[in-house]
Amino acid sequence: MTTPDPLVKTLTAAQIAAFERCAAEVLGRPDDPTIHTDEDLAREAGIAGPPIASGMVTVAFLNEYLEARFGPAWHESGHLSVAFVAPTRAGETVTVDATETGRRTTDDGEVVSLDVWCANEHGQRATVGSADVRLPGGSS
């Protein structure tokens, strides 16, 4: 399996709003305005500027990247741990990438470990973390 190019996404306010509507439906909560969808609420909370995506938007981007890199193995055995260290705003171009940090062989296959991140067009990382995935049969 080859290492894919970084995943590049340009985030819009409409995408942020759509994600929040979907999250509200899945979680069974009202689709009320939040700091992610309402600039006045955000400003009242001390957040100025373009809308900020919830951290789960970048987690979705990371999952898309890792699925492209590892295929079904990612969904079957992947583990992702992240920290949100800076906001991701509407209008930003987000680059999702990873660096392999290690491999180990287990009875069930090879486990690949990675450092993962989402960064804006200025190179500032907004979401950082680690991922592990077991590759059956030791294929890479």
N, C-alpha and C. Protein backbone atom coordinates (compact mmCIF):
# COMPACT_ATOMS: atom_id res chain seq x y z
N MET A 1 0.85 -1.16 0.00
CA MET A 1 0.00 0.00 0.00
C MET A 1 0.90 1.24 0.00
N THR A 2 0.62 2.18 -0.85
CA THR A 2 1.44 3.38 -0.93
C THR A 2 0.90 4.44 0.03
N THR A 3 1.78 5.33 0.43
CA THR A 3 1.37 6.43 1.29
C THR A 3 0.67 7.47 0.43
N PRO A 4 -0.56 7.84 0.79
CA PRO A 4 -1.27 8.82 -0.04
C PRO A 4 -0.72 10.21 0.16
N ASP A 5 -1.02 11.06 -0.80
CA ASP A 5 -0.72 12.47 -0.65
C ASP A 5 -1.55 13.01 0.51
N PRO A 6 -1.12 14.12 1.09
CA PRO A 6 -1.95 14.74 2.13
C PRO A 6 -3.34 15.03 1.57
N LEU A 7 -4.33 15.00 2.44
CA LEU A 7 -5.70 15.36 2.10
C LEU A 7 -5.83 16.86 2.30
N VAL A 8 -6.36 17.57 1.31
CA VAL A 8 -6.51 19.02 1.40
C VAL A 8 -7.98 19.37 1.24
N LYS A 9 -8.49 20.13 2.20
CA LYS A 9 -9.90 20.54 2.20
C LYS A 9 -9.98 22.03 2.46
N THR A 10 -10.87 22.72 1.77
CA THR A 10 -11.17 24.11 2.10
C THR A 10 -12.51 24.11 2.81
N LEU A 11 -12.50 24.59 4.03
CA LEU A 11 -13.67 24.54 4.90
C LEU A 11 -14.54 25.77 4.71
N THR A 12 -15.85 25.56 4.55
CA THR A 12 -16.78 26.68 4.39
C THR A 12 -17.72 26.76 5.59
N ALA A 13 -18.32 27.93 5.76
CA ALA A 13 -19.31 28.11 6.82
C ALA A 13 -20.50 27.18 6.59
N ALA A 14 -20.87 26.96 5.33
CA ALA A 14 -21.99 26.06 5.02
C ALA A 14 -21.67 24.62 5.45
N GLN A 15 -20.43 24.18 5.25
CA GLN A 15 -20.04 22.84 5.70
C GLN A 15 -20.10 22.73 7.22
N ILE A 16 -19.64 23.76 7.91
CA ILE A 16 -19.67 23.76 9.37
C ILE A 16 -21.11 23.66 9.85
N ALA A 17 -22.01 24.45 9.25
CA ALA A 17 -23.42 24.42 9.63
C ALA A 17 -24.04 23.06 9.34
N ALA A 18 -23.73 22.48 8.19
CA ALA A 18 -24.27 21.16 7.84
C ALA A 18 -23.78 20.11 8.82
N PHE A 19 -22.52 20.17 9.21
CA PHE A 19 -21.98 19.22 10.18
C PHE A 19 -22.71 19.36 11.51
N GLU A 20 -22.95 20.58 11.95
CA GLU A 20 -23.64 20.82 13.22
C GLU A 20 -25.08 20.31 13.18
N ARG A 21 -25.77 20.50 12.04
CA ARG A 21 -27.14 19.98 11.90
C ARG A 21 -27.14 18.46 12.00
N CYS A 22 -26.19 17.83 11.31
CA CYS A 22 -26.08 16.37 11.33
C CYS A 22 -25.78 15.89 12.75
N ALA A 23 -24.85 16.54 13.42
CA ALA A 23 -24.49 16.15 14.79
C ALA A 23 -25.69 16.27 15.71
N ALA A 24 -26.47 17.34 15.56
CA ALA A 24 -27.66 17.52 16.40
C ALA A 24 -28.64 16.38 16.17
N GLU A 25 -28.84 16.00 14.92
CA GLU A 25 -29.77 14.91 14.60
C GLU A 25 -29.27 13.58 15.18
N VAL A 26 -28.00 13.28 14.98
CA VAL A 26 -27.44 12.02 15.47
C VAL A 26 -27.49 11.95 17.00
N LEU A 27 -27.20 13.07 17.65
CA LEU A 27 -27.17 13.11 19.11
C LEU A 27 -28.55 13.32 19.73
N GLY A 28 -29.55 13.58 18.89
CA GLY A 28 -30.90 13.78 19.40
C GLY A 28 -31.07 15.06 20.19
N ARG A 29 -30.30 16.08 19.83
CA ARG A 29 -30.43 17.36 20.51
C ARG A 29 -31.05 18.37 19.55
N PRO A 30 -31.61 19.44 20.08
CA PRO A 30 -32.20 20.45 19.20
C PRO A 30 -31.14 21.06 18.28
N ASP A 31 -31.57 21.43 17.10
CA ASP A 31 -30.67 22.08 16.14
C ASP A 31 -30.69 23.58 16.38
N ASP A 32 -30.32 23.97 17.61
CA ASP A 32 -30.29 25.38 17.98
C ASP A 32 -28.97 26.00 17.55
N PRO A 33 -28.95 27.30 17.37
CA PRO A 33 -27.68 27.97 17.03
C PRO A 33 -26.63 27.70 18.12
N THR A 34 -25.39 27.59 17.69
CA THR A 34 -24.26 27.39 18.60
C THR A 34 -23.15 28.36 18.23
N ILE A 35 -22.08 28.36 18.99
CA ILE A 35 -20.94 29.21 18.65
C ILE A 35 -20.33 28.81 17.32
N HIS A 36 -20.65 27.62 16.83
CA HIS A 36 -20.11 27.16 15.55
C HIS A 36 -20.94 27.66 14.37
N THR A 37 -22.19 28.04 14.64
CA THR A 37 -23.08 28.42 13.54
C THR A 37 -23.61 29.84 13.63
N ASP A 38 -23.43 30.49 14.77
CA ASP A 38 -23.99 31.83 14.97
C ASP A 38 -22.87 32.78 15.41
N GLU A 39 -22.54 33.73 14.52
CA GLU A 39 -21.43 34.64 14.81
C GLU A 39 -21.70 35.51 16.03
N ASP A 40 -22.97 35.87 16.30
CA ASP A 40 -23.28 36.69 17.48
C ASP A 40 -23.03 35.89 18.76
N LEU A 41 -23.46 34.63 18.79
CA LEU A 41 -23.19 33.78 19.96
C LEU A 41 -21.69 33.59 20.15
N ALA A 42 -20.99 33.40 19.05
CA ALA A 42 -19.53 33.22 19.14
C ALA A 42 -18.88 34.48 19.70
N ARG A 43 -19.29 35.63 19.20
CA ARG A 43 -18.73 36.90 19.67
C ARG A 43 -19.00 37.08 21.16
N GLU A 44 -20.24 36.76 21.61
CA GLU A 44 -20.58 36.85 23.03
C GLU A 44 -19.70 35.94 23.88
N ALA A 45 -19.24 34.83 23.29
CA ALA A 45 -18.37 33.88 24.00
C ALA A 45 -16.90 34.27 23.88
N GLY A 46 -16.63 35.42 23.24
CA GLY A 46 -15.26 35.89 23.10
C GLY A 46 -14.54 35.36 21.88
N ILE A 47 -15.30 34.84 20.92
CA ILE A 47 -14.71 34.27 19.71
C ILE A 47 -15.08 35.15 18.53
N ALA A 48 -14.11 35.91 18.05
CA ALA A 48 -14.36 36.79 16.91
C ALA A 48 -13.82 36.15 15.64
N GLY A 49 -14.32 36.63 14.52
CA GLY A 49 -13.82 36.15 13.24
C GLY A 49 -14.75 35.14 12.60
N PRO A 50 -14.27 34.52 11.52
CA PRO A 50 -15.10 33.54 10.81
C PRO A 50 -15.50 32.39 11.73
N PRO A 51 -16.61 31.72 11.40
CA PRO A 51 -17.07 30.59 12.22
C PRO A 51 -15.97 29.55 12.44
N ILE A 52 -16.00 28.97 13.64
CA ILE A 52 -15.05 27.93 14.02
C ILE A 52 -15.74 26.58 13.92
N ALA A 53 -15.08 25.64 13.28
CA ALA A 53 -15.62 24.28 13.19
C ALA A 53 -15.45 23.58 14.53
N SER A 54 -16.38 22.70 14.85
CA SER A 54 -16.17 21.86 16.02
C SER A 54 -14.98 20.95 15.73
N GLY A 55 -14.33 20.48 16.77
CA GLY A 55 -13.17 19.61 16.59
C GLY A 55 -13.49 18.35 15.81
N MET A 56 -14.74 17.91 15.89
CA MET A 56 -15.11 16.66 15.21
C MET A 56 -15.04 16.79 13.68
N VAL A 57 -15.06 18.01 13.17
CA VAL A 57 -14.90 18.19 11.72
C VAL A 57 -13.50 17.73 11.31
N THR A 58 -12.48 18.13 12.07
CA THR A 58 -11.13 17.71 11.72
C THR A 58 -10.93 16.22 12.00
N VAL A 59 -11.64 15.68 12.99
CA VAL A 59 -11.59 14.23 13.22
C VAL A 59 -12.16 13.51 12.00
N ALA A 60 -13.23 14.03 11.42
CA ALA A 60 -13.79 13.43 10.20
C ALA A 60 -12.77 13.49 9.06
N PHE A 61 -12.05 14.60 8.94
CA PHE A 61 -11.01 14.71 7.91
C PHE A 61 -9.91 13.67 8.15
N LEU A 62 -9.50 13.52 9.41
CA LEU A 62 -8.48 12.51 9.73
C LEU A 62 -8.96 11.11 9.37
N ASN A 63 -10.19 10.80 9.69
CA ASN A 63 -10.73 9.48 9.35
C ASN A 63 -10.77 9.27 7.84
N GLU A 64 -11.13 10.30 7.09
CA GLU A 64 -11.13 10.19 5.63
C GLU A 64 -9.73 9.89 5.11
N TYR A 65 -8.73 10.60 5.63
CA TYR A 65 -7.34 10.38 5.23
C TYR A 65 -6.89 8.96 5.58
N LEU A 66 -7.17 8.52 6.83
CA LEU A 66 -6.71 7.21 7.28
C LEU A 66 -7.42 6.07 6.54
N GLU A 67 -8.67 6.28 6.19
CA GLU A 67 -9.37 5.26 5.38
C GLU A 67 -8.74 5.17 4.00
N ALA A 68 -8.38 6.30 3.42
CA ALA A 68 -7.72 6.28 2.11
C ALA A 68 -6.37 5.59 2.19
N ARG A 69 -5.69 5.75 3.30
CA ARG A 69 -4.35 5.18 3.46
C ARG A 69 -4.39 3.68 3.77
N PHE A 70 -5.36 3.26 4.61
CA PHE A 70 -5.35 1.87 5.09
C PHE A 70 -6.56 1.05 4.66
N GLY A 71 -7.53 1.65 3.98
CA GLY A 71 -8.70 0.91 3.53
C GLY A 71 -9.50 0.34 4.68
N PRO A 72 -10.14 -0.81 4.46
CA PRO A 72 -11.01 -1.40 5.48
C PRO A 72 -10.31 -1.68 6.81
N ALA A 73 -9.00 -1.88 6.79
CA ALA A 73 -8.28 -2.15 8.04
C ALA A 73 -8.46 -0.98 9.02
N TRP A 74 -8.57 0.24 8.51
CA TRP A 74 -8.75 1.38 9.40
C TRP A 74 -10.06 1.25 10.18
N HIS A 75 -11.15 0.89 9.50
CA HIS A 75 -12.44 0.78 10.17
C HIS A 75 -12.52 -0.44 11.08
N GLU A 76 -11.76 -1.47 10.74
CA GLU A 76 -11.81 -2.71 11.51
C GLU A 76 -10.93 -2.66 12.77
N SER A 77 -9.81 -1.94 12.71
CA SER A 77 -8.88 -2.01 13.84
C SER A 77 -8.21 -0.68 14.19
N GLY A 78 -8.59 0.39 13.54
CA GLY A 78 -7.93 1.67 13.78
C GLY A 78 -8.27 2.29 15.12
N HIS A 79 -7.32 3.02 15.65
CA HIS A 79 -7.52 3.77 16.90
C HIS A 79 -6.92 5.16 16.70
N LEU A 80 -7.68 6.18 17.04
CA LEU A 80 -7.26 7.56 16.86
C LEU A 80 -7.40 8.30 18.18
N SER A 81 -6.38 9.06 18.53
CA SER A 81 -6.40 9.89 19.74
C SER A 81 -5.92 11.27 19.33
N VAL A 82 -6.71 12.32 19.64
CA VAL A 82 -6.34 13.66 19.19
C VAL A 82 -6.49 14.69 20.30
N ALA A 83 -5.84 15.82 20.07
CA ALA A 83 -6.02 17.02 20.88
C ALA A 83 -6.30 18.17 19.92
N PHE A 84 -7.20 19.04 20.34
CA PHE A 84 -7.53 20.22 19.55
C PHE A 84 -6.73 21.38 20.13
N VAL A 85 -5.75 21.87 19.37
CA VAL A 85 -4.81 22.85 19.92
C VAL A 85 -4.98 24.26 19.35
N ALA A 86 -5.78 24.39 18.32
CA ALA A 86 -6.06 25.70 17.72
C ALA A 86 -7.37 25.59 16.95
N PRO A 87 -8.07 26.70 16.76
CA PRO A 87 -9.33 26.63 16.02
C PRO A 87 -9.11 26.40 14.52
N THR A 88 -10.11 25.79 13.92
CA THR A 88 -10.18 25.64 12.46
C THR A 88 -11.37 26.47 12.02
N ARG A 89 -11.12 27.42 11.16
CA ARG A 89 -12.16 28.40 10.79
C ARG A 89 -12.64 28.25 9.34
N ALA A 90 -13.86 28.69 9.13
CA ALA A 90 -14.40 28.76 7.78
C ALA A 90 -13.46 29.60 6.93
N GLY A 91 -13.23 29.15 5.70
CA GLY A 91 -12.36 29.86 4.78
C GLY A 91 -10.93 29.33 4.78
N GLU A 92 -10.58 28.52 5.78
CA GLU A 92 -9.22 27.98 5.82
C GLU A 92 -9.09 26.75 4.93
N THR A 93 -7.90 26.58 4.41
CA THR A 93 -7.56 25.35 3.71
C THR A 93 -6.82 24.47 4.70
N VAL A 94 -7.38 23.29 4.91
CA VAL A 94 -6.86 22.36 5.91
C VAL A 94 -6.11 21.24 5.19
N THR A 95 -4.90 20.98 5.65
CA THR A 95 -4.12 19.86 5.13
C THR A 95 -4.03 18.80 6.21
N VAL A 96 -4.41 17.59 5.84
CA VAL A 96 -4.39 16.44 6.75
C VAL A 96 -3.25 15.53 6.33
N ASP A 97 -2.39 15.17 7.27
CA ASP A 97 -1.24 14.34 6.91
C ASP A 97 -0.81 13.52 8.13
N ALA A 98 0.15 12.65 7.91
CA ALA A 98 0.64 11.78 8.98
C ALA A 98 2.07 11.37 8.68
N THR A 99 2.77 11.01 9.74
CA THR A 99 4.11 10.46 9.64
C THR A 99 4.13 9.14 10.40
N GLU A 100 4.63 8.12 9.75
CA GLU A 100 4.74 6.83 10.43
C GLU A 100 5.81 6.92 11.51
N THR A 101 5.46 6.44 12.72
CA THR A 101 6.39 6.50 13.84
C THR A 101 6.88 5.13 14.28
N GLY A 102 6.26 4.07 13.75
CA GLY A 102 6.73 2.75 14.14
C GLY A 102 5.84 1.65 13.60
N ARG A 103 6.39 0.43 13.66
CA ARG A 103 5.67 -0.79 13.28
C ARG A 103 6.06 -1.88 14.25
N ARG A 104 5.09 -2.72 14.57
CA ARG A 104 5.39 -3.89 15.39
C ARG A 104 4.55 -5.06 14.90
N THR A 105 5.11 -6.25 15.00
CA THR A 105 4.42 -7.45 14.56
C THR A 105 3.70 -8.09 15.73
N THR A 106 2.45 -8.46 15.50
CA THR A 106 1.65 -9.17 16.50
C THR A 106 1.18 -10.48 15.89
N ASP A 107 0.53 -11.30 16.68
CA ASP A 107 -0.02 -12.55 16.16
C ASP A 107 -1.09 -12.32 15.11
N ASP A 108 -1.75 -11.14 15.17
CA ASP A 108 -2.84 -10.83 14.24
C ASP A 108 -2.42 -10.00 13.04
N GLY A 109 -1.16 -9.67 12.94
CA GLY A 109 -0.70 -8.84 11.83
C GLY A 109 0.26 -7.79 12.30
N GLU A 110 0.50 -6.83 11.46
CA GLU A 110 1.44 -5.76 11.76
C GLU A 110 0.66 -4.53 12.22
N VAL A 111 1.12 -3.88 13.29
CA VAL A 111 0.49 -2.66 13.78
C VAL A 111 1.37 -1.47 13.37
N VAL A 112 0.75 -0.53 12.67
CA VAL A 112 1.43 0.67 12.22
C VAL A 112 0.99 1.82 13.13
N SER A 113 1.97 2.59 13.63
CA SER A 113 1.70 3.76 14.47
C SER A 113 2.08 5.03 13.70
N LEU A 114 1.28 6.07 13.89
CA LEU A 114 1.47 7.32 13.17
C LEU A 114 1.27 8.52 14.07
N ASP A 115 1.95 9.61 13.77
CA ASP A 115 1.58 10.93 14.26
C ASP A 115 0.69 11.52 13.18
N VAL A 116 -0.44 12.10 13.57
CA VAL A 116 -1.40 12.66 12.60
C VAL A 116 -1.69 14.11 12.96
N TRP A 117 -2.10 14.89 11.95
CA TRP A 117 -2.43 16.28 12.21
C TRP A 117 -3.28 16.88 11.11
N CYS A 118 -3.92 17.99 11.46
CA CYS A 118 -4.61 18.86 10.51
C CYS A 118 -4.00 20.25 10.71
N ALA A 119 -3.56 20.86 9.62
CA ALA A 119 -2.92 22.17 9.69
C ALA A 119 -3.60 23.13 8.72
N ASN A 120 -3.58 24.41 9.05
CA ASN A 120 -4.14 25.40 8.13
C ASN A 120 -3.11 25.77 7.06
N GLU A 121 -3.50 26.68 6.19
CA GLU A 121 -2.62 27.05 5.06
C GLU A 121 -1.34 27.76 5.50
N HIS A 122 -1.28 28.17 6.77
CA HIS A 122 -0.07 28.80 7.30
C HIS A 122 0.82 27.79 8.01
N GLY A 123 0.40 26.53 7.99
CA GLY A 123 1.19 25.48 8.63
C GLY A 123 0.90 25.31 10.12
N GLN A 124 -0.02 26.12 10.66
CA GLN A 124 -0.37 25.98 12.08
C GLN A 124 -1.23 24.74 12.26
N ARG A 125 -0.79 23.85 13.13
CA ARG A 125 -1.55 22.63 13.40
C ARG A 125 -2.68 22.94 14.37
N ALA A 126 -3.88 22.53 13.99
CA ALA A 126 -5.06 22.77 14.81
C ALA A 126 -5.47 21.51 15.56
N THR A 127 -5.30 20.37 14.93
CA THR A 127 -5.62 19.08 15.53
C THR A 127 -4.38 18.21 15.40
N VAL A 128 -3.94 17.62 16.50
CA VAL A 128 -2.75 16.77 16.50
C VAL A 128 -3.08 15.49 17.26
N GLY A 129 -2.37 14.43 16.92
CA GLY A 129 -2.61 13.20 17.66
C GLY A 129 -1.82 12.03 17.14
N SER A 130 -2.33 10.85 17.49
CA SER A 130 -1.68 9.62 17.07
C SER A 130 -2.74 8.64 16.61
N ALA A 131 -2.29 7.69 15.78
CA ALA A 131 -3.19 6.66 15.27
C ALA A 131 -2.42 5.35 15.22
N ASP A 132 -3.14 4.27 15.43
CA ASP A 132 -2.62 2.91 15.29
C ASP A 132 -3.61 2.12 14.46
N VAL A 133 -3.09 1.25 13.60
CA VAL A 133 -3.95 0.38 12.81
C VAL A 133 -3.25 -0.97 12.63
N ARG A 134 -4.02 -2.03 12.76
CA ARG A 134 -3.49 -3.38 12.55
C ARG A 134 -3.75 -3.78 11.11
N LEU A 135 -2.68 -4.18 10.43
CA LEU A 135 -2.78 -4.63 9.05
C LEU A 135 -2.75 -6.17 9.04
N PRO A 136 -3.85 -6.80 8.70
CA PRO A 136 -3.85 -8.26 8.68
C PRO A 136 -2.78 -8.81 7.75
N GLY A 137 -2.12 -9.86 8.20
CA GLY A 137 -1.13 -10.49 7.36
C GLY A 137 0.14 -9.70 7.18
N GLY A 138 0.25 -8.58 7.86
CA GLY A 138 1.48 -7.80 7.77
C GLY A 138 1.62 -7.04 6.47
N SER A 139 0.52 -6.86 5.70
CA SER A 139 0.63 -6.10 4.45
C SER A 139 0.70 -4.62 4.78
N SER A 140 1.35 -3.85 3.92
CA SER A 140 1.40 -2.40 4.14
C SER A 140 1.00 -1.70 2.89
